[in-house]
């Protein structure tokens, strides 16, 4: 019989898909208030992988990513996803477009071995957590790099995303080995 252990804490990463960079900045403040100090960001850039979001976000959306210093228990992803859903609805209401999200928030978490996205939609590869929230193993880390699964969204397979997530992983590894945030490392 295996010994029961509490798994290591994880790093929260939120992907933002929005109509423009100003919309990213507006929600960024709300995210920072909720999750704490930012660790590593990928500033807004054109999102060109699909036109799935045109009706909600427009025909020239931007994508950005933010990771956060505080590590959390992985089970908190359920509360985080429910909270980001509420924020999306609140922004839509403020925008005068209830039911249409001008901002899409994609929270996930990273371990040293994988990156997971939270979702409300069930599929064969997704694991049910609770309260309507699933997690999807999106990328796995092997031989020094993140790799996609057959179901991984095309954008998460891109070099830009992979490079960003590998940098976040390096910061996570530092944080886990030293107990200190990456920003406090000794500068050489």
N, C-alpha and C. Protein backbone atom coordinates (compact mmCIF):
# COMPACT_ATOMS: atom_id res chain seq x y z
N UNK A 1 0.84 -1.17 0.00
CA UNK A 1 0.00 0.00 0.00
C UNK A 1 0.89 1.23 0.00
N UNK A 2 0.51 2.19 -0.83
CA UNK A 2 1.26 3.44 -0.91
C UNK A 2 1.00 4.32 0.30
N UNK A 3 1.99 5.13 0.62
CA UNK A 3 1.86 6.06 1.72
C UNK A 3 1.16 7.33 1.24
N UNK A 4 0.15 7.76 1.97
CA UNK A 4 -0.57 8.97 1.60
C UNK A 4 0.26 10.20 1.91
N UNK A 5 0.37 11.09 0.93
CA UNK A 5 1.12 12.32 1.10
C UNK A 5 0.35 13.47 0.46
N UNK A 6 0.52 14.63 1.01
CA UNK A 6 -0.06 15.83 0.40
C UNK A 6 0.85 16.25 -0.74
N UNK A 7 0.29 16.43 -1.95
CA UNK A 7 1.14 16.83 -3.07
C UNK A 7 1.68 18.24 -2.89
N UNK A 8 2.76 18.52 -3.56
CA UNK A 8 3.37 19.85 -3.51
C UNK A 8 2.40 20.90 -4.02
N UNK A 9 2.56 22.10 -3.51
CA UNK A 9 1.73 23.21 -3.98
C UNK A 9 2.08 23.52 -5.43
N UNK A 10 1.20 24.27 -6.08
CA UNK A 10 1.32 24.54 -7.51
C UNK A 10 1.32 26.04 -7.79
N UNK A 11 1.75 26.38 -8.98
CA UNK A 11 1.77 27.77 -9.43
C UNK A 11 0.55 28.03 -10.30
N UNK A 12 -0.16 29.11 -9.99
CA UNK A 12 -1.33 29.51 -10.77
C UNK A 12 -0.88 30.35 -11.96
N UNK A 13 -1.46 30.04 -13.11
CA UNK A 13 -1.24 30.79 -14.34
C UNK A 13 -2.61 31.09 -14.93
N UNK A 14 -2.82 32.33 -15.32
CA UNK A 14 -4.10 32.69 -15.94
C UNK A 14 -3.82 33.21 -17.34
N UNK A 15 -4.47 32.57 -18.31
CA UNK A 15 -4.45 33.07 -19.68
C UNK A 15 -5.64 34.00 -19.85
N UNK A 16 -5.41 35.11 -20.53
CA UNK A 16 -6.47 36.07 -20.78
C UNK A 16 -6.62 36.23 -22.28
N UNK A 17 -7.85 36.10 -22.74
CA UNK A 17 -8.19 36.38 -24.13
C UNK A 17 -9.15 37.56 -24.08
N UNK A 18 -8.81 38.65 -24.76
CA UNK A 18 -9.61 39.87 -24.65
C UNK A 18 -9.66 40.60 -25.97
N UNK A 19 -10.58 41.58 -26.04
CA UNK A 19 -10.74 42.33 -27.28
C UNK A 19 -9.57 43.26 -27.56
N UNK A 20 -8.85 43.69 -26.50
CA UNK A 20 -7.71 44.58 -26.69
C UNK A 20 -6.84 44.59 -25.43
N UNK A 21 -5.68 45.23 -25.56
CA UNK A 21 -4.72 45.27 -24.45
C UNK A 21 -5.28 46.02 -23.25
N UNK A 22 -6.11 47.03 -23.47
CA UNK A 22 -6.69 47.77 -22.35
C UNK A 22 -7.59 46.86 -21.52
N UNK A 23 -8.33 45.98 -22.16
CA UNK A 23 -9.18 45.03 -21.44
C UNK A 23 -8.34 44.08 -20.59
N UNK A 24 -7.19 43.69 -21.11
CA UNK A 24 -6.26 42.84 -20.33
C UNK A 24 -5.81 43.60 -19.09
N UNK A 25 -5.40 44.85 -19.26
CA UNK A 25 -4.92 45.65 -18.13
C UNK A 25 -6.01 45.84 -17.07
N UNK A 26 -7.23 46.02 -17.51
CA UNK A 26 -8.34 46.21 -16.58
C UNK A 26 -8.53 44.99 -15.69
N UNK A 27 -8.52 43.81 -16.28
CA UNK A 27 -8.73 42.59 -15.48
C UNK A 27 -7.46 42.20 -14.73
N UNK A 28 -6.32 42.63 -15.20
CA UNK A 28 -5.04 42.31 -14.55
C UNK A 28 -5.02 42.77 -13.10
N UNK A 29 -5.53 43.96 -12.85
CA UNK A 29 -5.57 44.50 -11.49
C UNK A 29 -6.41 43.61 -10.59
N UNK A 30 -7.56 43.17 -11.09
CA UNK A 30 -8.44 42.29 -10.32
C UNK A 30 -7.75 40.97 -10.01
N UNK A 31 -7.03 40.43 -10.99
CA UNK A 31 -6.31 39.17 -10.79
C UNK A 31 -5.20 39.33 -9.75
N UNK A 32 -4.48 40.42 -9.82
CA UNK A 32 -3.38 40.66 -8.87
C UNK A 32 -3.93 40.79 -7.45
N UNK A 33 -5.06 41.45 -7.31
CA UNK A 33 -5.68 41.56 -5.98
C UNK A 33 -6.07 40.20 -5.43
N UNK A 34 -6.48 39.30 -6.30
CA UNK A 34 -6.91 37.96 -5.88
C UNK A 34 -5.72 37.02 -5.62
N UNK A 35 -4.74 37.02 -6.52
CA UNK A 35 -3.68 36.01 -6.50
C UNK A 35 -2.34 36.48 -5.95
N UNK A 36 -2.17 37.78 -5.79
CA UNK A 36 -0.92 38.28 -5.24
C UNK A 36 0.08 38.72 -6.29
N UNK A 37 1.31 38.79 -5.87
CA UNK A 37 2.41 39.29 -6.70
C UNK A 37 2.52 38.48 -8.00
N UNK A 38 2.65 39.21 -9.11
CA UNK A 38 2.88 38.53 -10.39
C UNK A 38 4.31 38.00 -10.43
N UNK A 39 4.46 36.88 -11.10
CA UNK A 39 5.77 36.24 -11.20
C UNK A 39 6.38 36.46 -12.58
N UNK A 40 5.66 36.05 -13.61
CA UNK A 40 6.14 36.22 -14.98
C UNK A 40 4.94 36.43 -15.89
N UNK A 41 5.05 37.43 -16.76
CA UNK A 41 3.95 37.78 -17.64
C UNK A 41 4.35 37.59 -19.10
N UNK A 42 3.36 37.30 -19.91
CA UNK A 42 3.52 37.33 -21.36
C UNK A 42 2.53 38.40 -21.82
N UNK A 43 3.07 39.55 -22.20
CA UNK A 43 2.24 40.71 -22.53
C UNK A 43 1.34 40.43 -23.72
N UNK A 44 0.25 41.21 -23.85
CA UNK A 44 -0.73 40.95 -24.92
C UNK A 44 -0.10 40.89 -26.31
N UNK A 45 -0.55 39.91 -27.07
CA UNK A 45 -0.11 39.72 -28.45
C UNK A 45 -1.31 39.21 -29.25
N UNK A 46 -1.31 39.37 -30.56
CA UNK A 46 -2.47 38.95 -31.36
C UNK A 46 -2.73 37.45 -31.22
N UNK A 47 -4.00 37.12 -31.05
CA UNK A 47 -4.43 35.72 -30.96
C UNK A 47 -5.00 35.34 -32.31
N UNK A 48 -4.31 34.44 -33.02
CA UNK A 48 -4.68 34.11 -34.40
C UNK A 48 -4.94 32.62 -34.61
N UNK A 49 -5.14 31.88 -33.54
CA UNK A 49 -5.23 30.42 -33.66
C UNK A 49 -6.61 29.92 -34.08
N UNK A 50 -7.66 30.70 -33.81
CA UNK A 50 -9.01 30.28 -34.15
C UNK A 50 -9.91 31.52 -34.19
N UNK A 51 -11.02 31.39 -34.89
CA UNK A 51 -12.00 32.48 -34.89
C UNK A 51 -13.21 32.13 -34.02
N UNK A 52 -13.04 31.15 -33.15
CA UNK A 52 -14.11 30.66 -32.27
C UNK A 52 -14.71 31.78 -31.41
N UNK A 53 -13.90 32.73 -31.02
CA UNK A 53 -14.33 33.77 -30.08
C UNK A 53 -14.79 35.06 -30.74
N UNK A 54 -14.90 35.10 -32.07
CA UNK A 54 -15.23 36.33 -32.79
C UNK A 54 -16.52 36.96 -32.29
N UNK A 55 -17.57 36.18 -32.08
CA UNK A 55 -18.86 36.74 -31.66
C UNK A 55 -18.79 37.39 -30.29
N UNK A 56 -17.96 36.86 -29.41
CA UNK A 56 -17.87 37.41 -28.05
C UNK A 56 -16.81 38.48 -27.92
N UNK A 57 -15.64 38.23 -28.48
CA UNK A 57 -14.48 39.08 -28.20
C UNK A 57 -14.13 39.99 -29.37
N UNK A 58 -14.56 39.65 -30.55
CA UNK A 58 -14.25 40.45 -31.73
C UNK A 58 -13.28 39.74 -32.65
N UNK A 59 -12.97 40.40 -33.77
CA UNK A 59 -12.17 39.71 -34.79
C UNK A 59 -10.66 39.95 -34.67
N UNK A 60 -10.23 40.67 -33.64
CA UNK A 60 -8.79 40.90 -33.44
C UNK A 60 -8.42 40.74 -31.97
N UNK A 61 -8.71 39.59 -31.37
CA UNK A 61 -8.43 39.42 -29.94
C UNK A 61 -6.94 39.36 -29.65
N UNK A 62 -6.62 39.63 -28.38
CA UNK A 62 -5.24 39.50 -27.91
C UNK A 62 -5.21 38.46 -26.78
N UNK A 63 -4.06 37.84 -26.63
CA UNK A 63 -3.84 36.85 -25.58
C UNK A 63 -2.73 37.37 -24.68
N UNK A 64 -2.83 37.11 -23.39
CA UNK A 64 -1.78 37.42 -22.43
C UNK A 64 -1.78 36.33 -21.37
N UNK A 65 -0.67 36.19 -20.68
CA UNK A 65 -0.57 35.24 -19.57
C UNK A 65 0.06 35.92 -18.37
N UNK A 66 -0.40 35.53 -17.18
CA UNK A 66 0.17 36.00 -15.93
C UNK A 66 0.33 34.81 -15.00
N UNK A 67 1.51 34.67 -14.42
CA UNK A 67 1.71 33.67 -13.37
C UNK A 67 1.92 34.43 -12.07
N UNK A 68 1.68 33.75 -10.96
CA UNK A 68 1.68 34.42 -9.66
C UNK A 68 2.63 33.72 -8.70
N UNK A 69 3.28 34.53 -7.86
CA UNK A 69 4.27 34.01 -6.90
C UNK A 69 3.69 33.04 -5.88
N UNK A 70 2.60 33.39 -5.20
CA UNK A 70 2.14 32.47 -4.15
C UNK A 70 1.77 31.10 -4.72
N UNK A 71 2.30 30.07 -4.10
CA UNK A 71 1.93 28.71 -4.48
C UNK A 71 0.69 28.32 -3.69
N UNK A 72 -0.15 27.49 -4.30
CA UNK A 72 -1.44 27.13 -3.69
C UNK A 72 -1.65 25.62 -3.75
N UNK A 73 -2.56 25.15 -2.94
CA UNK A 73 -2.97 23.75 -3.02
C UNK A 73 -3.70 23.56 -4.36
N UNK A 74 -3.44 22.46 -5.02
CA UNK A 74 -4.02 22.28 -6.36
C UNK A 74 -5.54 22.22 -6.36
N UNK A 75 -6.14 21.81 -5.24
CA UNK A 75 -7.59 21.73 -5.18
C UNK A 75 -8.25 23.10 -5.29
N UNK A 76 -7.50 24.16 -5.01
CA UNK A 76 -8.10 25.50 -5.08
C UNK A 76 -8.45 25.91 -6.50
N UNK A 77 -8.01 25.13 -7.49
CA UNK A 77 -8.34 25.46 -8.88
C UNK A 77 -9.85 25.50 -9.09
N UNK A 78 -10.59 24.73 -8.31
CA UNK A 78 -12.06 24.74 -8.43
C UNK A 78 -12.59 26.12 -8.06
N UNK A 79 -12.20 26.63 -6.90
CA UNK A 79 -12.65 27.96 -6.49
C UNK A 79 -12.13 29.03 -7.44
N UNK A 80 -10.93 28.86 -7.94
CA UNK A 80 -10.36 29.84 -8.86
C UNK A 80 -11.16 29.89 -10.15
N UNK A 81 -11.48 28.73 -10.71
CA UNK A 81 -12.25 28.70 -11.97
C UNK A 81 -13.65 29.28 -11.76
N UNK A 82 -14.29 28.95 -10.65
CA UNK A 82 -15.62 29.52 -10.37
C UNK A 82 -15.52 31.04 -10.23
N UNK A 83 -14.48 31.52 -9.57
CA UNK A 83 -14.28 32.96 -9.40
C UNK A 83 -14.03 33.63 -10.75
N UNK A 84 -13.17 33.04 -11.60
CA UNK A 84 -12.90 33.66 -12.91
C UNK A 84 -14.16 33.67 -13.77
N UNK A 85 -14.99 32.64 -13.67
CA UNK A 85 -16.26 32.64 -14.39
C UNK A 85 -17.13 33.81 -13.94
N UNK A 86 -17.18 34.04 -12.63
CA UNK A 86 -17.96 35.17 -12.10
C UNK A 86 -17.40 36.50 -12.60
N UNK A 87 -16.08 36.63 -12.66
CA UNK A 87 -15.46 37.86 -13.15
C UNK A 87 -15.82 38.08 -14.62
N UNK A 88 -15.78 37.02 -15.42
CA UNK A 88 -16.16 37.14 -16.83
C UNK A 88 -17.59 37.67 -16.96
N UNK A 89 -18.52 37.13 -16.16
CA UNK A 89 -19.91 37.56 -16.21
C UNK A 89 -20.06 39.01 -15.76
N UNK A 90 -19.32 39.38 -14.72
CA UNK A 90 -19.37 40.75 -14.21
C UNK A 90 -18.87 41.74 -15.26
N UNK A 91 -17.78 41.40 -15.95
CA UNK A 91 -17.24 42.28 -17.00
C UNK A 91 -18.24 42.38 -18.15
N UNK A 92 -18.86 41.27 -18.52
CA UNK A 92 -19.85 41.30 -19.60
C UNK A 92 -21.03 42.21 -19.24
N UNK A 93 -21.46 42.12 -17.99
CA UNK A 93 -22.57 42.95 -17.52
C UNK A 93 -22.17 44.43 -17.55
N UNK A 94 -20.97 44.74 -17.06
CA UNK A 94 -20.48 46.13 -17.08
C UNK A 94 -20.33 46.65 -18.50
N UNK A 95 -20.02 45.74 -19.41
CA UNK A 95 -19.82 46.10 -20.82
C UNK A 95 -21.15 46.23 -21.56
N UNK A 96 -22.24 45.85 -20.89
CA UNK A 96 -23.55 45.91 -21.53
C UNK A 96 -23.81 44.76 -22.49
N UNK A 97 -23.05 43.66 -22.30
CA UNK A 97 -23.20 42.49 -23.17
C UNK A 97 -23.39 41.22 -22.35
N UNK A 98 -24.43 41.16 -21.49
CA UNK A 98 -24.62 39.94 -20.69
C UNK A 98 -24.71 38.72 -21.61
N UNK A 99 -23.99 37.68 -21.24
CA UNK A 99 -23.98 36.46 -22.05
C UNK A 99 -22.87 36.43 -23.08
N UNK A 100 -22.30 37.57 -23.40
CA UNK A 100 -21.16 37.64 -24.32
C UNK A 100 -19.96 38.16 -23.55
N UNK A 101 -18.91 37.35 -23.50
CA UNK A 101 -17.74 37.71 -22.70
C UNK A 101 -16.73 38.52 -23.51
N UNK A 102 -16.50 39.78 -23.16
CA UNK A 102 -15.44 40.52 -23.83
C UNK A 102 -14.06 40.11 -23.33
N UNK A 103 -14.04 39.37 -22.22
CA UNK A 103 -12.79 38.84 -21.65
C UNK A 103 -13.02 37.38 -21.29
N UNK A 104 -12.10 36.53 -21.70
CA UNK A 104 -12.15 35.10 -21.39
C UNK A 104 -10.94 34.79 -20.51
N UNK A 105 -11.18 34.26 -19.31
CA UNK A 105 -10.11 33.93 -18.38
C UNK A 105 -9.93 32.42 -18.32
N UNK A 106 -8.71 31.97 -18.56
CA UNK A 106 -8.37 30.55 -18.56
C UNK A 106 -7.38 30.25 -17.44
N UNK A 107 -7.86 29.95 -16.25
CA UNK A 107 -6.92 29.61 -15.17
C UNK A 107 -6.40 28.18 -15.30
N UNK A 108 -5.18 28.02 -14.88
CA UNK A 108 -4.58 26.70 -14.84
C UNK A 108 -3.55 26.64 -13.74
N UNK A 109 -2.96 25.47 -13.58
CA UNK A 109 -1.88 25.37 -12.61
C UNK A 109 -0.76 24.51 -13.14
N UNK A 110 0.43 24.77 -12.61
CA UNK A 110 1.62 24.06 -13.05
C UNK A 110 2.26 23.32 -11.89
N UNK A 111 2.61 22.06 -12.16
CA UNK A 111 3.49 21.29 -11.30
C UNK A 111 4.82 21.21 -12.05
N UNK A 112 5.82 20.57 -11.46
CA UNK A 112 7.06 20.42 -12.20
C UNK A 112 6.91 19.46 -13.38
N UNK A 113 5.87 18.63 -13.36
CA UNK A 113 5.70 17.64 -14.41
C UNK A 113 4.61 17.91 -15.43
N UNK A 114 3.67 18.81 -15.10
CA UNK A 114 2.56 19.04 -16.01
C UNK A 114 1.98 20.45 -15.86
N UNK A 115 1.23 20.83 -16.91
CA UNK A 115 0.43 22.04 -16.86
C UNK A 115 -1.02 21.63 -17.11
N UNK A 116 -1.92 22.10 -16.25
CA UNK A 116 -3.33 21.76 -16.32
C UNK A 116 -4.16 23.01 -16.55
N UNK A 117 -5.22 22.89 -17.33
CA UNK A 117 -6.21 23.96 -17.48
C UNK A 117 -7.50 23.54 -16.80
N UNK A 118 -8.19 24.50 -16.20
CA UNK A 118 -9.50 24.24 -15.60
C UNK A 118 -10.58 24.56 -16.61
N UNK A 119 -11.67 23.81 -16.57
CA UNK A 119 -12.76 23.99 -17.52
C UNK A 119 -14.08 23.53 -16.92
N UNK A 120 -15.16 23.96 -17.54
CA UNK A 120 -16.48 23.48 -17.12
C UNK A 120 -17.00 22.41 -18.07
N UNK A 121 -16.24 22.11 -19.11
CA UNK A 121 -16.70 21.16 -20.13
C UNK A 121 -16.03 19.79 -19.95
N UNK A 122 -16.83 18.75 -20.00
CA UNK A 122 -16.33 17.39 -19.86
C UNK A 122 -15.88 16.84 -21.21
N UNK A 123 -14.79 16.13 -21.19
CA UNK A 123 -14.28 15.37 -22.34
C UNK A 123 -13.54 14.17 -21.78
N UNK A 124 -13.18 13.23 -22.63
CA UNK A 124 -12.58 11.97 -22.18
C UNK A 124 -11.28 12.16 -21.41
N UNK A 125 -10.53 13.20 -21.72
CA UNK A 125 -9.23 13.41 -21.08
C UNK A 125 -9.30 14.27 -19.83
N UNK A 126 -10.48 14.77 -19.50
CA UNK A 126 -10.63 15.69 -18.38
C UNK A 126 -11.07 14.95 -17.13
N UNK A 127 -10.55 15.39 -16.01
CA UNK A 127 -10.84 14.77 -14.72
C UNK A 127 -11.75 15.69 -13.93
N UNK A 128 -12.85 15.13 -13.44
CA UNK A 128 -13.79 15.92 -12.66
C UNK A 128 -13.21 16.19 -11.28
N UNK A 129 -13.29 17.45 -10.87
CA UNK A 129 -12.82 17.83 -9.53
C UNK A 129 -14.03 17.90 -8.59
N UNK A 130 -14.84 18.93 -8.75
CA UNK A 130 -16.08 19.10 -7.99
C UNK A 130 -16.79 20.36 -8.47
N UNK A 131 -18.05 20.51 -8.09
CA UNK A 131 -18.85 21.70 -8.35
C UNK A 131 -18.83 22.13 -9.81
N UNK A 132 -18.82 21.16 -10.72
CA UNK A 132 -18.89 21.44 -12.15
C UNK A 132 -17.57 21.77 -12.81
N UNK A 133 -16.46 21.60 -12.11
CA UNK A 133 -15.15 21.96 -12.65
C UNK A 133 -14.31 20.71 -12.92
N UNK A 134 -13.70 20.70 -14.09
CA UNK A 134 -12.80 19.64 -14.53
C UNK A 134 -11.40 20.24 -14.70
N UNK A 135 -10.39 19.39 -14.67
CA UNK A 135 -9.05 19.81 -15.08
C UNK A 135 -8.61 18.94 -16.23
N UNK A 136 -7.85 19.57 -17.11
CA UNK A 136 -7.33 18.85 -18.27
C UNK A 136 -5.81 18.90 -18.25
N UNK A 137 -5.15 17.74 -18.24
CA UNK A 137 -3.71 17.77 -18.43
C UNK A 137 -3.45 18.30 -19.85
N UNK A 138 -2.79 19.43 -19.94
CA UNK A 138 -2.64 20.13 -21.21
C UNK A 138 -1.25 19.91 -21.80
N UNK A 139 -0.23 19.93 -20.96
CA UNK A 139 1.16 19.71 -21.38
C UNK A 139 1.86 18.87 -20.33
N UNK A 140 2.83 18.08 -20.75
CA UNK A 140 3.66 17.33 -19.80
C UNK A 140 5.12 17.69 -20.05
N UNK A 141 5.93 17.63 -18.99
CA UNK A 141 7.33 18.02 -19.05
C UNK A 141 8.19 16.77 -19.10
N UNK A 142 9.01 16.67 -20.14
CA UNK A 142 9.89 15.51 -20.30
C UNK A 142 11.11 15.93 -21.10
N UNK A 143 12.27 15.43 -20.71
CA UNK A 143 13.53 15.71 -21.42
C UNK A 143 13.78 17.22 -21.56
N UNK A 144 13.45 17.97 -20.52
CA UNK A 144 13.77 19.39 -20.50
C UNK A 144 12.79 20.32 -21.19
N UNK A 145 11.66 19.78 -21.67
CA UNK A 145 10.70 20.62 -22.39
C UNK A 145 9.27 20.17 -22.14
N UNK A 146 8.34 21.11 -22.33
CA UNK A 146 6.92 20.75 -22.31
C UNK A 146 6.55 20.16 -23.66
N UNK A 147 5.64 19.19 -23.60
CA UNK A 147 5.13 18.51 -24.80
C UNK A 147 3.61 18.45 -24.73
N UNK A 148 3.00 18.45 -25.90
CA UNK A 148 1.55 18.42 -25.99
C UNK A 148 1.02 16.99 -25.98
N UNK A 149 -0.22 16.86 -25.54
CA UNK A 149 -0.98 15.64 -25.71
C UNK A 149 -1.74 15.76 -27.03
N UNK A 150 -2.33 14.65 -27.49
CA UNK A 150 -3.08 14.71 -28.75
C UNK A 150 -4.25 15.67 -28.68
N UNK A 151 -4.79 15.94 -27.49
CA UNK A 151 -5.96 16.81 -27.33
C UNK A 151 -5.60 18.25 -27.00
N UNK A 152 -4.35 18.54 -26.81
CA UNK A 152 -3.93 19.89 -26.41
C UNK A 152 -4.36 20.92 -27.46
N UNK A 153 -4.97 22.01 -26.99
CA UNK A 153 -5.35 23.08 -27.90
C UNK A 153 -4.14 23.52 -28.71
N UNK A 154 -4.38 23.85 -29.98
CA UNK A 154 -3.29 24.19 -30.90
C UNK A 154 -2.44 25.35 -30.39
N UNK A 155 -3.08 26.36 -29.80
CA UNK A 155 -2.29 27.50 -29.33
C UNK A 155 -1.34 27.11 -28.21
N UNK A 156 -1.76 26.18 -27.34
CA UNK A 156 -0.89 25.73 -26.26
C UNK A 156 0.26 24.85 -26.77
N UNK A 157 0.22 24.47 -28.02
CA UNK A 157 1.32 23.73 -28.63
C UNK A 157 2.33 24.66 -29.29
N UNK A 158 2.01 25.95 -29.35
CA UNK A 158 2.87 26.90 -30.06
C UNK A 158 4.18 27.15 -29.31
N UNK A 159 5.18 27.51 -30.07
CA UNK A 159 6.51 27.78 -29.50
C UNK A 159 6.45 28.92 -28.48
N UNK A 160 5.66 29.95 -28.77
CA UNK A 160 5.56 31.11 -27.88
C UNK A 160 5.02 30.69 -26.51
N UNK A 161 3.95 29.90 -26.48
CA UNK A 161 3.37 29.45 -25.22
C UNK A 161 4.33 28.51 -24.49
N UNK A 162 4.90 27.58 -25.23
CA UNK A 162 5.82 26.60 -24.63
C UNK A 162 7.01 27.32 -23.99
N UNK A 163 7.60 28.27 -24.69
CA UNK A 163 8.74 29.00 -24.13
C UNK A 163 8.35 29.74 -22.86
N UNK A 164 7.21 30.39 -22.89
CA UNK A 164 6.74 31.11 -21.69
C UNK A 164 6.54 30.13 -20.54
N UNK A 165 5.84 29.03 -20.79
CA UNK A 165 5.55 28.08 -19.72
C UNK A 165 6.81 27.41 -19.19
N UNK A 166 7.80 27.20 -20.03
CA UNK A 166 9.08 26.66 -19.54
C UNK A 166 9.80 27.66 -18.65
N UNK A 167 9.68 28.94 -18.94
CA UNK A 167 10.27 29.96 -18.06
C UNK A 167 9.54 29.99 -16.71
N UNK A 168 8.22 29.84 -16.76
CA UNK A 168 7.45 29.79 -15.51
C UNK A 168 7.87 28.55 -14.72
N UNK A 169 8.05 27.43 -15.40
CA UNK A 169 8.45 26.20 -14.71
C UNK A 169 9.81 26.38 -14.03
N UNK A 170 10.75 27.05 -14.70
CA UNK A 170 12.07 27.29 -14.09
C UNK A 170 11.92 28.11 -12.80
N UNK A 171 11.03 29.07 -12.81
CA UNK A 171 10.78 29.88 -11.61
C UNK A 171 10.13 29.03 -10.52
N UNK A 172 9.22 28.16 -10.92
CA UNK A 172 8.58 27.26 -9.96
C UNK A 172 9.62 26.34 -9.34
N UNK A 173 10.50 25.77 -10.15
CA UNK A 173 11.54 24.88 -9.64
C UNK A 173 12.43 25.62 -8.64
N UNK A 174 12.81 26.84 -8.96
CA UNK A 174 13.62 27.64 -8.04
C UNK A 174 12.86 27.86 -6.73
N UNK A 175 11.62 28.25 -6.85
CA UNK A 175 10.80 28.53 -5.68
C UNK A 175 10.63 27.29 -4.80
N UNK A 176 10.42 26.15 -5.43
CA UNK A 176 10.23 24.92 -4.67
C UNK A 176 11.53 24.47 -3.99
N UNK A 177 12.67 24.70 -4.65
CA UNK A 177 13.93 24.24 -4.08
C UNK A 177 14.48 25.18 -3.00
N UNK A 178 14.13 26.47 -3.09
CA UNK A 178 14.69 27.44 -2.13
C UNK A 178 13.66 27.95 -1.13
N UNK A 179 12.39 27.81 -1.45
CA UNK A 179 11.36 28.38 -0.60
C UNK A 179 11.19 29.87 -0.78
N UNK A 180 11.88 30.45 -1.77
CA UNK A 180 11.82 31.89 -2.02
C UNK A 180 11.29 32.17 -3.42
N UNK A 181 10.60 33.29 -3.58
CA UNK A 181 10.18 33.68 -4.93
C UNK A 181 11.40 33.95 -5.82
N UNK A 182 11.24 33.74 -7.09
CA UNK A 182 12.31 33.91 -8.05
C UNK A 182 12.90 35.32 -8.02
N UNK A 183 12.04 36.33 -7.80
CA UNK A 183 12.51 37.72 -7.81
C UNK A 183 13.51 37.99 -6.68
N UNK A 184 13.57 37.13 -5.66
CA UNK A 184 14.49 37.32 -4.55
C UNK A 184 15.81 36.55 -4.72
N UNK A 185 15.99 35.92 -5.88
CA UNK A 185 17.23 35.16 -6.10
C UNK A 185 18.43 36.09 -6.07
N UNK A 186 19.58 35.52 -5.79
CA UNK A 186 20.81 36.31 -5.78
C UNK A 186 21.17 36.65 -7.23
N UNK A 187 21.32 37.90 -7.49
CA UNK A 187 21.70 38.35 -8.84
C UNK A 187 23.19 38.12 -9.03
N UNK A 188 23.56 37.64 -10.19
CA UNK A 188 24.98 37.35 -10.46
C UNK A 188 25.55 38.34 -11.43
